[in-house]
Structures are given as structure tokens and as C-alpha cells.
N, C-alpha and C. Protein backbone atom coordinates (compact mmCIF):
# COMPACT_ATOMS: atom_id res chain seq x y z
N MET A 1 25.55 28.01 14.17
CA MET A 1 24.24 27.84 13.58
C MET A 1 24.34 26.96 12.33
N TYR A 2 25.12 27.38 11.34
CA TYR A 2 25.31 26.58 10.13
C TYR A 2 26.71 26.00 10.14
N LYS A 3 26.82 24.81 9.64
CA LYS A 3 28.11 24.15 9.59
C LYS A 3 28.51 24.00 8.13
N ARG A 4 29.69 24.42 7.81
CA ARG A 4 30.20 24.31 6.45
C ARG A 4 30.89 22.96 6.29
N ILE A 5 30.51 22.22 5.27
CA ILE A 5 31.09 20.92 5.00
C ILE A 5 31.78 20.99 3.64
N VAL A 6 33.04 20.63 3.62
CA VAL A 6 33.82 20.64 2.39
C VAL A 6 34.15 19.20 2.03
N SER A 7 33.80 18.82 0.81
CA SER A 7 34.09 17.48 0.33
C SER A 7 35.46 17.47 -0.33
N LYS A 8 36.34 16.63 0.16
CA LYS A 8 37.67 16.53 -0.43
C LYS A 8 37.82 15.19 -1.12
N GLY A 9 38.18 15.23 -2.37
CA GLY A 9 38.35 13.99 -3.12
C GLY A 9 37.04 13.54 -3.74
N ALA A 10 37.13 12.50 -4.51
CA ALA A 10 35.97 11.96 -5.21
C ALA A 10 35.09 11.15 -4.26
N THR A 11 33.81 11.19 -4.49
CA THR A 11 32.88 10.39 -3.71
C THR A 11 32.85 8.97 -4.29
N GLU A 12 32.27 8.07 -3.53
CA GLU A 12 32.25 6.67 -3.97
C GLU A 12 31.30 6.44 -5.13
N PHE A 13 30.16 7.14 -5.12
CA PHE A 13 29.13 6.92 -6.13
C PHE A 13 28.87 8.18 -6.95
N ALA A 14 28.31 7.98 -8.13
CA ALA A 14 27.81 9.06 -8.97
C ALA A 14 26.35 8.74 -9.28
N TYR A 15 25.56 9.77 -9.48
CA TYR A 15 24.12 9.63 -9.70
C TYR A 15 23.74 10.24 -11.04
N LEU A 16 22.89 9.54 -11.76
CA LEU A 16 22.43 10.01 -13.07
C LEU A 16 20.92 10.04 -13.08
N LYS A 17 20.36 11.10 -13.62
CA LYS A 17 18.92 11.16 -13.87
C LYS A 17 18.74 10.96 -15.36
N VAL A 18 18.07 9.88 -15.77
CA VAL A 18 17.94 9.53 -17.18
C VAL A 18 16.49 9.32 -17.57
N THR A 19 16.23 9.46 -18.86
CA THR A 19 14.92 9.19 -19.44
C THR A 19 15.12 8.31 -20.66
N LEU A 20 14.23 7.35 -20.85
CA LEU A 20 14.27 6.48 -22.02
C LEU A 20 13.15 6.88 -22.96
N ASP A 21 13.49 7.23 -24.19
CA ASP A 21 12.51 7.64 -25.19
C ASP A 21 12.48 6.63 -26.32
N PHE A 22 11.25 6.35 -26.81
CA PHE A 22 11.07 5.48 -27.97
C PHE A 22 10.53 6.31 -29.12
N GLU A 23 11.00 6.00 -30.32
CA GLU A 23 10.61 6.77 -31.49
C GLU A 23 9.18 6.44 -31.93
N GLU A 24 8.82 5.16 -31.96
CA GLU A 24 7.53 4.76 -32.53
C GLU A 24 6.38 4.83 -31.54
N ASP A 25 6.61 4.45 -30.30
CA ASP A 25 5.53 4.45 -29.30
C ASP A 25 5.99 5.22 -28.07
N PRO A 26 5.85 6.55 -28.08
CA PRO A 26 6.38 7.35 -26.98
C PRO A 26 5.64 7.18 -25.66
N ASN A 27 4.45 6.60 -25.68
CA ASN A 27 3.66 6.46 -24.45
C ASN A 27 3.70 5.06 -23.86
N GLU A 28 4.55 4.20 -24.39
CA GLU A 28 4.63 2.82 -23.91
C GLU A 28 5.22 2.79 -22.50
N ALA A 29 4.52 2.13 -21.58
CA ALA A 29 5.01 1.99 -20.21
C ALA A 29 5.91 0.77 -20.11
N ILE A 30 7.02 0.93 -19.42
CA ILE A 30 7.98 -0.16 -19.24
C ILE A 30 8.20 -0.34 -17.76
N ASP A 31 8.17 -1.59 -17.30
CA ASP A 31 8.39 -1.84 -15.87
C ASP A 31 9.88 -1.73 -15.55
N VAL A 32 10.19 -1.72 -14.26
CA VAL A 32 11.55 -1.48 -13.81
C VAL A 32 12.50 -2.61 -14.20
N VAL A 33 12.01 -3.83 -14.27
CA VAL A 33 12.86 -4.97 -14.65
C VAL A 33 13.29 -4.84 -16.12
N THR A 34 12.36 -4.46 -16.98
CA THR A 34 12.70 -4.26 -18.39
C THR A 34 13.65 -3.09 -18.56
N PHE A 35 13.44 -2.03 -17.78
CA PHE A 35 14.33 -0.86 -17.83
C PHE A 35 15.75 -1.26 -17.47
N LYS A 36 15.90 -2.06 -16.41
CA LYS A 36 17.23 -2.53 -15.99
C LYS A 36 17.84 -3.43 -17.07
N THR A 37 17.02 -4.26 -17.70
CA THR A 37 17.50 -5.13 -18.77
C THR A 37 18.03 -4.32 -19.95
N ILE A 38 17.36 -3.22 -20.27
CA ILE A 38 17.83 -2.37 -21.37
C ILE A 38 19.17 -1.74 -21.01
N ILE A 39 19.35 -1.35 -19.76
CA ILE A 39 20.62 -0.78 -19.31
C ILE A 39 21.74 -1.82 -19.44
N ILE A 40 21.45 -3.05 -19.00
CA ILE A 40 22.45 -4.12 -19.09
C ILE A 40 22.77 -4.44 -20.55
N ASP A 41 21.76 -4.41 -21.42
CA ASP A 41 21.99 -4.63 -22.85
C ASP A 41 22.88 -3.53 -23.44
N ALA A 42 22.68 -2.30 -22.99
CA ALA A 42 23.51 -1.19 -23.46
C ALA A 42 24.97 -1.40 -23.05
N LEU A 43 25.18 -1.82 -21.81
CA LEU A 43 26.54 -2.09 -21.34
C LEU A 43 27.17 -3.26 -22.08
N ARG A 44 26.38 -4.30 -22.35
CA ARG A 44 26.89 -5.47 -23.06
C ARG A 44 27.24 -5.13 -24.50
N SER A 45 26.43 -4.29 -25.15
CA SER A 45 26.69 -3.98 -26.56
C SER A 45 27.98 -3.20 -26.75
N LEU A 46 28.37 -2.40 -25.75
CA LEU A 46 29.58 -1.60 -25.90
C LEU A 46 30.81 -2.28 -25.31
N PHE A 47 30.65 -2.97 -24.17
CA PHE A 47 31.80 -3.53 -23.46
C PHE A 47 31.80 -5.06 -23.37
N GLY A 48 30.84 -5.73 -23.99
CA GLY A 48 30.79 -7.19 -23.96
C GLY A 48 30.41 -7.69 -22.58
N LEU A 49 30.83 -8.91 -22.26
CA LEU A 49 30.48 -9.49 -20.97
C LEU A 49 31.08 -8.73 -19.79
N ALA A 50 32.20 -8.08 -20.00
CA ALA A 50 32.80 -7.27 -18.93
C ALA A 50 31.89 -6.11 -18.56
N GLY A 51 31.13 -5.59 -19.51
CA GLY A 51 30.21 -4.50 -19.22
C GLY A 51 29.06 -4.90 -18.34
N THR A 52 28.66 -6.16 -18.41
CA THR A 52 27.54 -6.61 -17.58
C THR A 52 27.93 -6.73 -16.11
N SER A 53 29.22 -6.70 -15.81
CA SER A 53 29.65 -6.79 -14.42
C SER A 53 29.61 -5.43 -13.71
N ILE A 54 29.36 -4.36 -14.45
CA ILE A 54 29.26 -3.03 -13.85
C ILE A 54 27.94 -2.94 -13.08
N ASN A 55 28.02 -2.55 -11.83
CA ASN A 55 26.85 -2.48 -10.97
C ASN A 55 26.12 -1.16 -11.17
N VAL A 56 24.87 -1.24 -11.59
CA VAL A 56 24.01 -0.07 -11.76
C VAL A 56 22.78 -0.28 -10.89
N ASP A 57 22.55 0.63 -9.95
CA ASP A 57 21.39 0.56 -9.07
C ASP A 57 20.34 1.57 -9.51
N ILE A 58 19.09 1.14 -9.57
CA ILE A 58 17.99 2.05 -9.88
C ILE A 58 17.38 2.46 -8.55
N LEU A 59 17.57 3.72 -8.18
CA LEU A 59 17.08 4.21 -6.90
C LEU A 59 15.63 4.65 -6.98
N LYS A 60 15.24 5.22 -8.10
CA LYS A 60 13.86 5.70 -8.29
C LYS A 60 13.49 5.50 -9.73
N TYR A 61 12.25 5.06 -9.97
CA TYR A 61 11.80 4.84 -11.34
C TYR A 61 10.34 5.23 -11.47
N GLU A 62 10.03 6.00 -12.52
CA GLU A 62 8.65 6.37 -12.85
C GLU A 62 8.27 5.63 -14.12
N GLU A 63 7.37 4.69 -13.99
CA GLU A 63 7.05 3.78 -15.09
C GLU A 63 6.38 4.48 -16.26
N THR A 64 5.49 5.42 -16.01
CA THR A 64 4.74 6.04 -17.11
C THR A 64 5.61 6.96 -17.94
N GLN A 65 6.55 7.68 -17.31
CA GLN A 65 7.40 8.61 -18.05
C GLN A 65 8.77 8.03 -18.35
N ARG A 66 9.06 6.85 -17.81
CA ARG A 66 10.34 6.16 -18.00
C ARG A 66 11.52 7.02 -17.55
N ASN A 67 11.38 7.68 -16.41
CA ASN A 67 12.45 8.44 -15.78
C ASN A 67 13.05 7.60 -14.67
N ALA A 68 14.36 7.71 -14.48
CA ALA A 68 15.01 6.94 -13.42
C ALA A 68 16.19 7.72 -12.86
N VAL A 69 16.48 7.43 -11.59
CA VAL A 69 17.69 7.91 -10.95
C VAL A 69 18.58 6.68 -10.75
N LEU A 70 19.77 6.72 -11.33
CA LEU A 70 20.69 5.59 -11.28
C LEU A 70 21.87 5.93 -10.38
N ARG A 71 22.38 4.90 -9.69
CA ARG A 71 23.59 5.05 -8.88
C ARG A 71 24.63 4.09 -9.42
N VAL A 72 25.82 4.63 -9.72
CA VAL A 72 26.93 3.82 -10.21
C VAL A 72 28.18 4.20 -9.45
N HIS A 73 29.15 3.29 -9.42
CA HIS A 73 30.43 3.64 -8.82
C HIS A 73 31.08 4.74 -9.65
N HIS A 74 31.72 5.65 -8.96
CA HIS A 74 32.30 6.79 -9.64
C HIS A 74 33.29 6.37 -10.74
N SER A 75 33.99 5.27 -10.52
CA SER A 75 34.95 4.80 -11.52
C SER A 75 34.26 4.25 -12.78
N SER A 76 32.98 3.92 -12.69
CA SER A 76 32.24 3.37 -13.84
C SER A 76 31.34 4.40 -14.51
N LEU A 77 31.36 5.63 -14.04
CA LEU A 77 30.44 6.65 -14.55
C LEU A 77 30.57 6.86 -16.06
N VAL A 78 31.77 7.02 -16.54
CA VAL A 78 31.98 7.30 -17.96
C VAL A 78 31.54 6.11 -18.82
N LYS A 79 31.79 4.90 -18.36
CA LYS A 79 31.38 3.71 -19.11
C LYS A 79 29.87 3.61 -19.20
N VAL A 80 29.18 3.82 -18.09
CA VAL A 80 27.72 3.74 -18.09
C VAL A 80 27.13 4.86 -18.92
N TRP A 81 27.60 6.07 -18.72
CA TRP A 81 27.09 7.23 -19.46
C TRP A 81 27.29 7.03 -20.96
N GLY A 82 28.46 6.58 -21.36
CA GLY A 82 28.73 6.36 -22.77
C GLY A 82 27.87 5.27 -23.38
N SER A 83 27.71 4.16 -22.67
CA SER A 83 26.92 3.06 -23.23
C SER A 83 25.43 3.42 -23.31
N LEU A 84 24.93 4.21 -22.35
CA LEU A 84 23.54 4.65 -22.43
C LEU A 84 23.34 5.61 -23.60
N THR A 85 24.30 6.49 -23.81
CA THR A 85 24.20 7.46 -24.89
C THR A 85 24.24 6.78 -26.26
N LEU A 86 25.06 5.75 -26.41
CA LEU A 86 25.21 5.10 -27.71
C LEU A 86 24.18 4.02 -27.99
N HIS A 87 23.44 3.58 -26.98
CA HIS A 87 22.44 2.52 -27.18
C HIS A 87 21.26 3.08 -27.98
N GLY A 88 20.83 2.37 -29.02
CA GLY A 88 19.79 2.93 -29.88
C GLY A 88 18.67 2.01 -30.27
N ILE A 89 18.74 0.72 -29.93
CA ILE A 89 17.68 -0.21 -30.36
C ILE A 89 17.34 -1.16 -29.22
N HIS A 90 16.03 -1.32 -28.99
CA HIS A 90 15.54 -2.32 -28.05
C HIS A 90 14.35 -3.03 -28.69
N ARG A 91 14.46 -4.34 -28.85
CA ARG A 91 13.42 -5.16 -29.50
C ARG A 91 13.01 -4.58 -30.85
N GLU A 92 14.01 -4.22 -31.63
CA GLU A 92 13.85 -3.70 -32.97
C GLU A 92 13.06 -2.40 -33.03
N GLN A 93 13.04 -1.67 -31.92
CA GLN A 93 12.48 -0.32 -31.88
C GLN A 93 13.60 0.66 -31.59
N ARG A 94 13.59 1.78 -32.29
CA ARG A 94 14.60 2.80 -32.04
C ARG A 94 14.29 3.48 -30.71
N CYS A 95 15.33 3.61 -29.89
CA CYS A 95 15.17 4.25 -28.59
C CYS A 95 16.41 5.08 -28.28
N ALA A 96 16.29 5.92 -27.27
CA ALA A 96 17.42 6.75 -26.88
C ALA A 96 17.32 7.07 -25.39
N PHE A 97 18.44 6.93 -24.70
CA PHE A 97 18.53 7.38 -23.32
C PHE A 97 18.92 8.86 -23.33
N ARG A 98 18.22 9.65 -22.57
CA ARG A 98 18.55 11.06 -22.40
C ARG A 98 19.08 11.24 -20.98
N VAL A 99 20.32 11.64 -20.85
CA VAL A 99 20.91 11.88 -19.54
C VAL A 99 20.61 13.32 -19.18
N LYS A 100 19.72 13.51 -18.21
CA LYS A 100 19.26 14.84 -17.83
C LYS A 100 20.22 15.54 -16.87
N GLN A 101 20.68 14.81 -15.85
CA GLN A 101 21.57 15.38 -14.85
C GLN A 101 22.54 14.33 -14.37
N VAL A 102 23.73 14.77 -13.99
CA VAL A 102 24.74 13.90 -13.40
C VAL A 102 25.34 14.65 -12.23
N SER A 103 25.51 13.94 -11.11
CA SER A 103 26.10 14.58 -9.93
C SER A 103 26.76 13.53 -9.06
N SER A 104 27.70 13.97 -8.27
CA SER A 104 28.32 13.07 -7.30
C SER A 104 27.55 13.07 -5.98
N HIS A 105 26.53 13.92 -5.89
CA HIS A 105 25.70 13.98 -4.67
C HIS A 105 24.24 13.81 -5.07
N LEU A 106 23.56 12.92 -4.39
CA LEU A 106 22.17 12.61 -4.71
C LEU A 106 21.27 13.82 -4.50
N MET A 107 21.54 14.61 -3.49
CA MET A 107 20.70 15.77 -3.19
C MET A 107 20.69 16.78 -4.34
N ALA A 108 21.76 16.81 -5.12
CA ALA A 108 21.82 17.75 -6.23
C ALA A 108 20.80 17.43 -7.32
N LEU A 109 20.31 16.21 -7.38
CA LEU A 109 19.31 15.83 -8.38
C LEU A 109 17.89 16.20 -7.95
N ALA A 110 17.73 16.66 -6.72
CA ALA A 110 16.40 16.97 -6.21
C ALA A 110 15.79 18.17 -6.93
N GLY A 111 16.60 19.13 -7.30
CA GLY A 111 16.06 20.31 -7.97
C GLY A 111 16.90 20.62 -9.20
N ASN A 112 16.28 21.33 -10.12
CA ASN A 112 16.95 21.74 -11.35
C ASN A 112 16.72 23.23 -11.53
N SER A 113 17.76 24.00 -11.51
CA SER A 113 17.61 25.45 -11.63
C SER A 113 17.04 25.87 -12.98
N ARG A 114 17.19 25.02 -13.98
CA ARG A 114 16.67 25.37 -15.31
C ARG A 114 15.15 25.23 -15.38
N ASP A 115 14.57 24.41 -14.48
CA ASP A 115 13.13 24.22 -14.48
C ASP A 115 12.43 25.06 -13.43
N ALA A 116 13.18 25.85 -12.69
CA ALA A 116 12.60 26.63 -11.59
C ALA A 116 11.69 27.72 -12.14
N VAL A 117 10.54 27.89 -11.48
CA VAL A 117 9.59 28.93 -11.85
C VAL A 117 9.73 30.04 -10.81
N LEU A 118 10.06 31.22 -11.29
CA LEU A 118 10.27 32.36 -10.37
C LEU A 118 9.09 33.29 -10.40
């Protein structure tokens, strides 16, 4: 009836659920191209031109709340996570990426036990 699947070893990709917050204008809507540009700027500021070669895919993006699900190679997870956490300015506005969830499986980002209503 049910089949048990055991994952052995690291998966190829890691998934991050992130939010971008601005200090001065919290309701500003940003399109997906600008969001990706901010991510690339964060990688460039920490790792230089080598950081821009890291592949970051945006799988889902909500423009009004600036929430996104990102896919990165598992070997680049720490670099992307660190550069997003340390990035603080975009167009002379203070901003911050909030990493809400990280998982090696995309399905794990579908629900959050902390937000569950019982």
C-alpha cells in the first residue's frame, strides 16, 4: 500500500523560502527581474564576480509580499544563504532578506508546522 523511500546522500538542489523587507517603504512592490537583480548584487558584494556565476533559480515569486522560493545547487547553499543574510542596501534603501525555510526537498516548503492552525 505505502512505499517507504529512503534518501541516501545529498540531493542535487537545495530550496530556500525567502522574503525581502525594506525599512522605509514596506509596501513597495518589486517585480521578479528586480528581485533577481538584488540577489545577484548580494552575491557580487560578498564574492565578487565569482559570486555572480552561482546559479539561483526563482521557482515562485509573490510580487506584493516579495516572497520567493529559490533553488540553488546544494554545494552553493551556504554561499547564497550567507550573501542574502549579509546584504543590507538596495538603491540606497536599507533592506533585509529573511530566510524563512531551507530544505533539500521542495515538498517540505509546502507546509510549515509553526503556522499550522489546529
